[in-house]
Amino acid sequence: MIHIAPLQIEDEDKLYTFELHNRKYFEKFVPSRGEAFYQKDYFHDRLRELLKEQADSKSYFFLIKDADGEILGRVNLTDICPSQKIGFLGYRVGEAHTGKGIAGKAVELLKVEAEKTLRLKGIKAQTTAENIASQKVLEKKGFEEINREDTAYEGKPLTFVYYQLSF
């Protein structure tokens, strides 16, 4: 059984290890966070920035954990728009935990949190066109594709697929 738990400073060491361990896997699907992100001091400072955003209700960061408290992934609502009551979904599940329905369950738990606790009216999401697994998760959870955009990242063509869910 999994659950989502709000990000806390006490999670720093386990989260840092999780991110380091899964870096190459994540970078297959999303642009790199850069070398600095994986330096302990920078990671510490970045975590404090995220916790401030969370305290200011600008974003909400959750860890996906199992019954033993092991971090399986992350699921977030960022850039909350107070007037439209919409947030932007982001999630990542560690390589060892993919294919087990964890992303879908975490998105479902976050949907409940967004609607019932945070009182949002909807969630937007985006993924790369190559990330078929994420597209399937979003579509199974009721998100509708609303747009595609071709762009370039580090000189390589990249297509983003945009989704939306309304409550």
N, C-alpha and C. Protein backbone atom coordinates (compact mmCIF):
# COMPACT_ATOMS: atom_id res chain seq x y z
N MET A 1 0.84 -1.18 0.00
CA MET A 1 0.00 0.00 0.00
C MET A 1 0.89 1.25 0.00
N ILE A 2 0.59 2.18 -0.88
CA ILE A 2 1.36 3.41 -0.91
C ILE A 2 0.52 4.56 -0.36
N HIS A 3 1.22 5.63 -0.03
CA HIS A 3 0.56 6.86 0.39
C HIS A 3 1.42 8.02 -0.07
N ILE A 4 0.85 9.22 -0.06
CA ILE A 4 1.65 10.41 -0.34
C ILE A 4 1.76 11.21 0.95
N ALA A 5 2.93 11.78 1.14
CA ALA A 5 3.20 12.55 2.36
C ALA A 5 3.83 13.88 1.96
N PRO A 6 3.38 14.98 2.56
CA PRO A 6 3.98 16.26 2.23
C PRO A 6 5.50 16.25 2.46
N LEU A 7 6.22 16.88 1.58
CA LEU A 7 7.67 17.00 1.69
C LEU A 7 8.03 17.74 2.97
N GLN A 8 9.02 17.22 3.68
CA GLN A 8 9.51 17.83 4.92
C GLN A 8 11.03 17.83 4.91
N ILE A 9 11.62 18.71 5.69
CA ILE A 9 13.08 18.80 5.76
C ILE A 9 13.68 17.47 6.23
N GLU A 10 12.95 16.72 7.05
CA GLU A 10 13.44 15.44 7.55
C GLU A 10 13.63 14.41 6.45
N ASP A 11 13.05 14.65 5.28
CA ASP A 11 13.17 13.73 4.15
C ASP A 11 14.44 13.96 3.33
N GLU A 12 15.21 14.97 3.67
CA GLU A 12 16.32 15.40 2.82
C GLU A 12 17.28 14.28 2.43
N ASP A 13 17.81 13.56 3.38
CA ASP A 13 18.83 12.54 3.06
C ASP A 13 18.26 11.43 2.18
N LYS A 14 17.09 10.94 2.53
CA LYS A 14 16.48 9.87 1.72
C LYS A 14 16.12 10.37 0.32
N LEU A 15 15.65 11.61 0.23
CA LEU A 15 15.29 12.17 -1.07
C LEU A 15 16.52 12.39 -1.93
N TYR A 16 17.58 12.86 -1.33
CA TYR A 16 18.84 13.07 -2.07
C TYR A 16 19.33 11.73 -2.63
N THR A 17 19.31 10.71 -1.82
CA THR A 17 19.73 9.37 -2.27
C THR A 17 18.82 8.88 -3.40
N PHE A 18 17.53 9.07 -3.26
CA PHE A 18 16.56 8.67 -4.29
C PHE A 18 16.87 9.36 -5.60
N GLU A 19 17.09 10.67 -5.56
CA GLU A 19 17.36 11.43 -6.79
C GLU A 19 18.68 11.00 -7.43
N LEU A 20 19.71 10.82 -6.63
CA LEU A 20 21.00 10.37 -7.17
C LEU A 20 20.87 8.99 -7.82
N HIS A 21 20.21 8.09 -7.13
CA HIS A 21 20.07 6.72 -7.60
C HIS A 21 19.29 6.63 -8.92
N ASN A 22 18.33 7.52 -9.10
CA ASN A 22 17.45 7.45 -10.27
C ASN A 22 17.78 8.48 -11.36
N ARG A 23 18.85 9.22 -11.19
CA ARG A 23 19.18 10.30 -12.12
C ARG A 23 19.19 9.85 -13.58
N LYS A 24 19.97 8.85 -13.91
CA LYS A 24 20.09 8.40 -15.31
C LYS A 24 18.75 7.94 -15.86
N TYR A 25 18.00 7.25 -15.04
CA TYR A 25 16.68 6.78 -15.47
C TYR A 25 15.75 7.96 -15.78
N PHE A 26 15.68 8.93 -14.88
CA PHE A 26 14.80 10.09 -15.10
C PHE A 26 15.22 10.87 -16.33
N GLU A 27 16.51 11.00 -16.54
CA GLU A 27 17.00 11.81 -17.67
C GLU A 27 16.74 11.14 -19.02
N LYS A 28 16.26 9.92 -19.03
CA LYS A 28 15.81 9.29 -20.28
C LYS A 28 14.50 9.92 -20.76
N PHE A 29 13.74 10.50 -19.82
CA PHE A 29 12.39 10.98 -20.12
C PHE A 29 12.22 12.49 -20.00
N VAL A 30 12.98 13.11 -19.15
CA VAL A 30 12.85 14.56 -18.93
C VAL A 30 14.22 15.21 -19.01
N PRO A 31 14.26 16.48 -19.37
CA PRO A 31 15.55 17.17 -19.40
C PRO A 31 16.24 17.11 -18.03
N SER A 32 17.55 17.06 -18.06
CA SER A 32 18.35 17.00 -16.84
C SER A 32 18.10 18.22 -15.95
N ARG A 33 18.22 18.01 -14.68
CA ARG A 33 18.13 19.11 -13.73
C ARG A 33 19.47 19.83 -13.59
N GLY A 34 20.48 19.33 -14.27
CA GLY A 34 21.80 19.95 -14.24
C GLY A 34 22.68 19.38 -13.15
N GLU A 35 23.97 19.55 -13.33
CA GLU A 35 24.96 19.02 -12.39
C GLU A 35 24.78 19.58 -10.98
N ALA A 36 24.50 20.87 -10.88
CA ALA A 36 24.41 21.51 -9.57
C ALA A 36 23.35 20.85 -8.68
N PHE A 37 22.24 20.41 -9.28
CA PHE A 37 21.16 19.80 -8.51
C PHE A 37 21.66 18.62 -7.67
N TYR A 38 22.66 17.92 -8.17
CA TYR A 38 23.14 16.71 -7.52
C TYR A 38 24.31 16.95 -6.58
N GLN A 39 24.63 18.21 -6.33
CA GLN A 39 25.63 18.57 -5.32
C GLN A 39 24.88 18.77 -4.00
N LYS A 40 25.37 18.18 -2.94
CA LYS A 40 24.66 18.15 -1.66
C LYS A 40 24.25 19.54 -1.17
N ASP A 41 25.16 20.51 -1.23
CA ASP A 41 24.83 21.86 -0.73
C ASP A 41 23.73 22.49 -1.56
N TYR A 42 23.81 22.37 -2.87
CA TYR A 42 22.79 22.93 -3.74
C TYR A 42 21.45 22.24 -3.48
N PHE A 43 21.47 20.93 -3.37
CA PHE A 43 20.25 20.16 -3.11
C PHE A 43 19.60 20.64 -1.82
N HIS A 44 20.41 20.83 -0.79
CA HIS A 44 19.90 21.32 0.50
C HIS A 44 19.22 22.68 0.34
N ASP A 45 19.89 23.59 -0.36
CA ASP A 45 19.32 24.93 -0.57
C ASP A 45 18.04 24.85 -1.40
N ARG A 46 18.04 24.02 -2.42
CA ARG A 46 16.86 23.88 -3.28
C ARG A 46 15.68 23.30 -2.49
N LEU A 47 15.96 22.35 -1.64
CA LEU A 47 14.90 21.77 -0.80
C LEU A 47 14.28 22.85 0.09
N ARG A 48 15.09 23.69 0.67
CA ARG A 48 14.57 24.78 1.50
C ARG A 48 13.69 25.73 0.68
N GLU A 49 14.09 26.00 -0.56
CA GLU A 49 13.27 26.84 -1.44
C GLU A 49 11.92 26.19 -1.71
N LEU A 50 11.92 24.89 -1.96
CA LEU A 50 10.67 24.17 -2.21
C LEU A 50 9.76 24.21 -0.97
N LEU A 51 10.35 24.03 0.19
CA LEU A 51 9.56 24.07 1.42
C LEU A 51 8.97 25.45 1.66
N LYS A 52 9.68 26.50 1.27
CA LYS A 52 9.14 27.86 1.38
C LYS A 52 7.97 28.04 0.42
N GLU A 53 8.11 27.57 -0.81
CA GLU A 53 7.00 27.62 -1.77
C GLU A 53 5.77 26.91 -1.21
N GLN A 54 6.02 25.77 -0.58
CA GLN A 54 4.93 24.99 0.01
C GLN A 54 4.28 25.75 1.16
N ALA A 55 5.09 26.35 2.02
CA ALA A 55 4.57 27.13 3.15
C ALA A 55 3.76 28.34 2.67
N ASP A 56 4.14 28.88 1.51
CA ASP A 56 3.44 30.03 0.93
C ASP A 56 2.26 29.63 0.03
N SER A 57 1.95 28.34 -0.01
CA SER A 57 0.83 27.79 -0.82
C SER A 57 0.99 28.07 -2.32
N LYS A 58 2.23 28.20 -2.77
CA LYS A 58 2.48 28.39 -4.21
C LYS A 58 2.62 27.05 -4.92
N SER A 59 3.05 26.05 -4.19
CA SER A 59 3.23 24.71 -4.71
C SER A 59 3.07 23.73 -3.56
N TYR A 60 2.78 22.48 -3.91
CA TYR A 60 2.66 21.42 -2.92
C TYR A 60 3.46 20.23 -3.41
N PHE A 61 4.38 19.77 -2.57
CA PHE A 61 5.30 18.70 -2.92
C PHE A 61 5.03 17.50 -2.01
N PHE A 62 4.87 16.35 -2.63
CA PHE A 62 4.58 15.13 -1.88
C PHE A 62 5.57 14.05 -2.28
N LEU A 63 5.87 13.20 -1.33
CA LEU A 63 6.67 12.02 -1.60
C LEU A 63 5.73 10.83 -1.64
N ILE A 64 5.98 9.96 -2.58
CA ILE A 64 5.24 8.71 -2.67
C ILE A 64 6.03 7.70 -1.84
N LYS A 65 5.38 7.16 -0.81
CA LYS A 65 6.08 6.26 0.10
C LYS A 65 5.32 4.94 0.25
N ASP A 66 6.07 3.90 0.58
CA ASP A 66 5.43 2.63 0.89
C ASP A 66 5.15 2.56 2.39
N ALA A 67 4.63 1.44 2.84
CA ALA A 67 4.25 1.30 4.25
C ALA A 67 5.43 1.42 5.20
N ASP A 68 6.64 1.14 4.70
CA ASP A 68 7.85 1.24 5.52
C ASP A 68 8.49 2.63 5.47
N GLY A 69 7.90 3.55 4.71
CA GLY A 69 8.45 4.89 4.60
C GLY A 69 9.49 5.06 3.52
N GLU A 70 9.74 4.01 2.72
CA GLU A 70 10.69 4.13 1.61
C GLU A 70 10.12 5.05 0.54
N ILE A 71 10.95 5.94 0.01
CA ILE A 71 10.52 6.84 -1.07
C ILE A 71 10.50 6.07 -2.38
N LEU A 72 9.32 6.02 -2.99
CA LEU A 72 9.15 5.34 -4.27
C LEU A 72 9.12 6.34 -5.42
N GLY A 73 8.78 7.60 -5.09
CA GLY A 73 8.69 8.63 -6.12
C GLY A 73 8.25 9.95 -5.51
N ARG A 74 7.91 10.85 -6.42
CA ARG A 74 7.46 12.19 -6.03
C ARG A 74 6.23 12.53 -6.85
N VAL A 75 5.35 13.34 -6.29
CA VAL A 75 4.20 13.86 -7.01
C VAL A 75 3.95 15.27 -6.47
N ASN A 76 3.80 16.22 -7.40
CA ASN A 76 3.75 17.62 -7.01
C ASN A 76 2.64 18.38 -7.73
N LEU A 77 2.20 19.44 -7.09
CA LEU A 77 1.35 20.45 -7.72
C LEU A 77 2.11 21.75 -7.60
N THR A 78 2.48 22.34 -8.72
CA THR A 78 3.29 23.55 -8.71
C THR A 78 2.57 24.70 -9.39
N ASP A 79 3.14 25.89 -9.19
CA ASP A 79 2.63 27.10 -9.85
C ASP A 79 1.12 27.24 -9.70
N ILE A 80 0.66 27.12 -8.46
CA ILE A 80 -0.77 27.23 -8.18
C ILE A 80 -1.24 28.63 -8.57
N CYS A 81 -2.28 28.68 -9.39
CA CYS A 81 -2.88 29.95 -9.79
C CYS A 81 -4.09 30.19 -8.88
N PRO A 82 -3.98 31.12 -7.93
CA PRO A 82 -5.08 31.34 -6.97
C PRO A 82 -6.39 31.76 -7.63
N SER A 83 -6.32 32.56 -8.69
CA SER A 83 -7.56 33.05 -9.31
C SER A 83 -8.28 31.94 -10.09
N GLN A 84 -7.54 31.11 -10.78
CA GLN A 84 -8.15 30.02 -11.56
C GLN A 84 -8.27 28.73 -10.76
N LYS A 85 -7.56 28.67 -9.63
CA LYS A 85 -7.55 27.48 -8.78
C LYS A 85 -7.10 26.24 -9.55
N ILE A 86 -5.98 26.42 -10.26
CA ILE A 86 -5.39 25.34 -11.05
C ILE A 86 -3.93 25.20 -10.67
N GLY A 87 -3.45 23.96 -10.60
CA GLY A 87 -2.04 23.69 -10.36
C GLY A 87 -1.51 22.81 -11.47
N PHE A 88 -0.19 22.69 -11.51
CA PHE A 88 0.47 21.91 -12.55
C PHE A 88 1.08 20.65 -11.93
N LEU A 89 0.70 19.51 -12.46
CA LEU A 89 1.11 18.21 -11.96
C LEU A 89 2.50 17.84 -12.46
N GLY A 90 3.27 17.28 -11.57
CA GLY A 90 4.55 16.67 -11.93
C GLY A 90 4.72 15.42 -11.09
N TYR A 91 5.28 14.38 -11.67
CA TYR A 91 5.54 13.18 -10.88
C TYR A 91 6.68 12.40 -11.49
N ARG A 92 7.29 11.61 -10.66
CA ARG A 92 8.34 10.70 -11.09
C ARG A 92 8.38 9.54 -10.12
N VAL A 93 8.52 8.35 -10.67
CA VAL A 93 8.60 7.14 -9.88
C VAL A 93 9.96 6.52 -10.14
N GLY A 94 10.63 6.08 -9.09
CA GLY A 94 11.94 5.47 -9.22
C GLY A 94 11.91 4.24 -10.13
N GLU A 95 13.00 4.01 -10.79
CA GLU A 95 13.09 2.93 -11.79
C GLU A 95 12.67 1.57 -11.23
N ALA A 96 13.07 1.26 -10.03
CA ALA A 96 12.76 -0.04 -9.43
C ALA A 96 11.28 -0.22 -9.13
N HIS A 97 10.51 0.86 -9.22
CA HIS A 97 9.10 0.80 -8.83
C HIS A 97 8.14 1.04 -10.00
N THR A 98 8.67 1.14 -11.21
CA THR A 98 7.82 1.37 -12.36
C THR A 98 7.08 0.09 -12.74
N GLY A 99 5.99 0.27 -13.47
CA GLY A 99 5.22 -0.87 -13.95
C GLY A 99 4.39 -1.55 -12.89
N LYS A 100 4.23 -0.91 -11.75
CA LYS A 100 3.48 -1.51 -10.63
C LYS A 100 2.23 -0.73 -10.29
N GLY A 101 1.90 0.27 -11.11
CA GLY A 101 0.71 1.07 -10.86
C GLY A 101 0.90 2.18 -9.84
N ILE A 102 2.14 2.42 -9.42
CA ILE A 102 2.41 3.40 -8.38
C ILE A 102 2.12 4.82 -8.86
N ALA A 103 2.53 5.14 -10.08
CA ALA A 103 2.29 6.49 -10.61
C ALA A 103 0.79 6.77 -10.66
N GLY A 104 0.02 5.83 -11.17
CA GLY A 104 -1.43 6.02 -11.26
C GLY A 104 -2.07 6.20 -9.90
N LYS A 105 -1.65 5.40 -8.94
CA LYS A 105 -2.21 5.51 -7.59
C LYS A 105 -1.83 6.85 -6.96
N ALA A 106 -0.58 7.27 -7.17
CA ALA A 106 -0.14 8.55 -6.61
C ALA A 106 -0.90 9.72 -7.23
N VAL A 107 -1.11 9.67 -8.54
CA VAL A 107 -1.87 10.73 -9.22
C VAL A 107 -3.30 10.74 -8.68
N GLU A 108 -3.88 9.58 -8.46
CA GLU A 108 -5.23 9.49 -7.92
C GLU A 108 -5.28 10.11 -6.51
N LEU A 109 -4.30 9.80 -5.68
CA LEU A 109 -4.24 10.37 -4.33
C LEU A 109 -4.07 11.88 -4.39
N LEU A 110 -3.27 12.35 -5.32
CA LEU A 110 -3.05 13.79 -5.46
C LEU A 110 -4.31 14.49 -5.97
N LYS A 111 -5.05 13.84 -6.86
CA LYS A 111 -6.31 14.42 -7.34
C LYS A 111 -7.25 14.67 -6.16
N VAL A 112 -7.36 13.70 -5.27
CA VAL A 112 -8.22 13.85 -4.10
C VAL A 112 -7.73 15.00 -3.23
N GLU A 113 -6.44 15.06 -3.00
CA GLU A 113 -5.85 16.13 -2.20
C GLU A 113 -6.13 17.49 -2.84
N ALA A 114 -5.95 17.58 -4.16
CA ALA A 114 -6.14 18.84 -4.88
C ALA A 114 -7.58 19.33 -4.80
N GLU A 115 -8.50 18.41 -4.98
CA GLU A 115 -9.91 18.80 -5.00
C GLU A 115 -10.48 19.03 -3.60
N LYS A 116 -10.26 18.09 -2.72
CA LYS A 116 -10.92 18.14 -1.41
C LYS A 116 -10.19 19.01 -0.39
N THR A 117 -8.87 18.91 -0.34
CA THR A 117 -8.11 19.65 0.67
C THR A 117 -7.69 21.03 0.18
N LEU A 118 -7.14 21.07 -1.02
CA LEU A 118 -6.62 22.33 -1.55
C LEU A 118 -7.68 23.15 -2.27
N ARG A 119 -8.82 22.54 -2.53
CA ARG A 119 -9.96 23.21 -3.17
C ARG A 119 -9.63 23.77 -4.55
N LEU A 120 -8.83 23.02 -5.30
CA LEU A 120 -8.54 23.43 -6.67
C LEU A 120 -9.69 23.03 -7.59
N LYS A 121 -9.75 23.65 -8.75
CA LYS A 121 -10.80 23.36 -9.74
C LYS A 121 -10.26 22.49 -10.87
N GLY A 122 -8.93 22.36 -10.95
CA GLY A 122 -8.37 21.55 -12.01
C GLY A 122 -6.87 21.41 -11.89
N ILE A 123 -6.34 20.54 -12.73
CA ILE A 123 -4.91 20.27 -12.77
C ILE A 123 -4.49 20.21 -14.24
N LYS A 124 -3.35 20.81 -14.54
CA LYS A 124 -2.76 20.71 -15.86
C LYS A 124 -1.49 19.86 -15.74
N ALA A 125 -1.11 19.25 -16.85
CA ALA A 125 0.09 18.42 -16.86
C ALA A 125 0.72 18.47 -18.24
N GLN A 126 1.99 18.12 -18.30
CA GLN A 126 2.66 18.01 -19.59
C GLN A 126 3.66 16.87 -19.51
N THR A 127 3.93 16.29 -20.65
CA THR A 127 4.93 15.23 -20.75
C THR A 127 5.55 15.32 -22.12
N THR A 128 6.64 14.64 -22.30
CA THR A 128 7.23 14.59 -23.64
C THR A 128 6.48 13.53 -24.44
N ALA A 129 6.46 13.70 -25.75
CA ALA A 129 5.75 12.77 -26.62
C ALA A 129 6.32 11.35 -26.51
N GLU A 130 7.61 11.24 -26.18
CA GLU A 130 8.25 9.93 -26.06
C GLU A 130 7.87 9.20 -24.78
N ASN A 131 7.33 9.92 -23.82
CA ASN A 131 7.02 9.31 -22.53
C ASN A 131 5.60 8.74 -22.55
N ILE A 132 5.46 7.66 -23.26
CA ILE A 132 4.16 7.00 -23.44
C ILE A 132 3.57 6.55 -22.10
N ALA A 133 4.42 6.05 -21.21
CA ALA A 133 3.93 5.58 -19.91
C ALA A 133 3.23 6.70 -19.15
N SER A 134 3.81 7.89 -19.14
CA SER A 134 3.17 9.01 -18.44
C SER A 134 1.87 9.41 -19.12
N GLN A 135 1.86 9.38 -20.43
CA GLN A 135 0.63 9.71 -21.15
C GLN A 135 -0.48 8.74 -20.78
N LYS A 136 -0.15 7.47 -20.68
CA LYS A 136 -1.15 6.46 -20.31
C LYS A 136 -1.68 6.70 -18.89
N VAL A 137 -0.77 7.04 -17.97
CA VAL A 137 -1.20 7.32 -16.59
C VAL A 137 -2.18 8.48 -16.58
N LEU A 138 -1.82 9.57 -17.25
CA LEU A 138 -2.68 10.75 -17.26
C LEU A 138 -4.04 10.44 -17.87
N GLU A 139 -4.05 9.76 -19.00
CA GLU A 139 -5.31 9.46 -19.67
C GLU A 139 -6.18 8.52 -18.84
N LYS A 140 -5.57 7.53 -18.18
CA LYS A 140 -6.34 6.62 -17.33
C LYS A 140 -6.95 7.34 -16.13
N LYS A 141 -6.32 8.43 -15.71
CA LYS A 141 -6.81 9.17 -14.55
C LYS A 141 -7.72 10.34 -14.94
N GLY A 142 -8.15 10.37 -16.20
CA GLY A 142 -9.15 11.35 -16.61
C GLY A 142 -8.64 12.62 -17.24
N PHE A 143 -7.33 12.75 -17.40
CA PHE A 143 -6.78 13.93 -18.06
C PHE A 143 -7.05 13.85 -19.56
N GLU A 144 -7.33 15.00 -20.15
CA GLU A 144 -7.57 15.07 -21.59
C GLU A 144 -6.44 15.84 -22.25
N GLU A 145 -5.96 15.32 -23.38
CA GLU A 145 -4.93 16.02 -24.13
C GLU A 145 -5.53 17.29 -24.71
N ILE A 146 -4.84 18.42 -24.53
CA ILE A 146 -5.37 19.69 -25.04
C ILE A 146 -4.47 20.35 -26.07
N ASN A 147 -3.20 19.90 -26.16
CA ASN A 147 -2.30 20.56 -27.11
C ASN A 147 -1.00 19.77 -27.22
N ARG A 148 -0.31 19.99 -28.32
CA ARG A 148 1.06 19.50 -28.52
C ARG A 148 1.89 20.66 -29.01
N GLU A 149 3.14 20.66 -28.59
CA GLU A 149 4.02 21.75 -28.99
C GLU A 149 5.40 21.20 -29.34
N ASP A 150 5.86 21.53 -30.54
CA ASP A 150 7.20 21.15 -30.96
C ASP A 150 8.16 22.25 -30.56
N THR A 151 9.29 21.85 -29.99
CA THR A 151 10.30 22.79 -29.55
C THR A 151 11.66 22.13 -29.70
N ALA A 152 12.67 22.73 -29.14
CA ALA A 152 14.00 22.13 -29.14
C ALA A 152 14.59 22.29 -27.74
N TYR A 153 15.34 21.30 -27.34
CA TYR A 153 16.05 21.35 -26.07
C TYR A 153 17.46 20.87 -26.31
N GLU A 154 18.42 21.73 -25.98
CA GLU A 154 19.83 21.44 -26.22
C GLU A 154 20.07 21.02 -27.67
N GLY A 155 19.39 21.73 -28.58
CA GLY A 155 19.59 21.50 -30.01
C GLY A 155 18.88 20.29 -30.57
N LYS A 156 18.12 19.58 -29.77
CA LYS A 156 17.41 18.39 -30.23
C LYS A 156 15.92 18.68 -30.27
N PRO A 157 15.22 18.17 -31.31
CA PRO A 157 13.76 18.39 -31.36
C PRO A 157 13.07 17.67 -30.20
N LEU A 158 12.04 18.32 -29.69
CA LEU A 158 11.30 17.79 -28.55
C LEU A 158 9.84 18.21 -28.71
N THR A 159 8.94 17.28 -28.46
CA THR A 159 7.51 17.58 -28.50
C THR A 159 6.93 17.39 -27.11
N PHE A 160 6.23 18.42 -26.64
CA PHE A 160 5.51 18.34 -25.38
C PHE A 160 4.04 18.07 -25.66
N VAL A 161 3.44 17.24 -24.83
CA VAL A 161 2.02 16.95 -24.88
C VAL A 161 1.41 17.53 -23.61
N TYR A 162 0.37 18.36 -23.78
CA TYR A 162 -0.26 19.06 -22.65
C TYR A 162 -1.63 18.44 -22.35
N TYR A 163 -1.91 18.32 -21.05
CA TYR A 163 -3.16 17.72 -20.57
C TYR A 163 -3.84 18.64 -19.57
N GLN A 164 -5.14 18.37 -19.39
CA GLN A 164 -5.90 19.11 -18.39
C GLN A 164 -6.96 18.20 -17.79
N LEU A 165 -7.24 18.42 -16.51
CA LEU A 165 -8.30 17.72 -15.79
C LEU A 165 -9.07 18.78 -15.01
N SER A 166 -10.39 18.76 -15.13
CA SER A 166 -11.24 19.67 -14.37
C SER A 166 -12.07 18.88 -13.37
N PHE A 167 -12.33 19.49 -12.22
CA PHE A 167 -13.16 18.83 -11.20
C PHE A 167 -14.57 19.38 -11.28
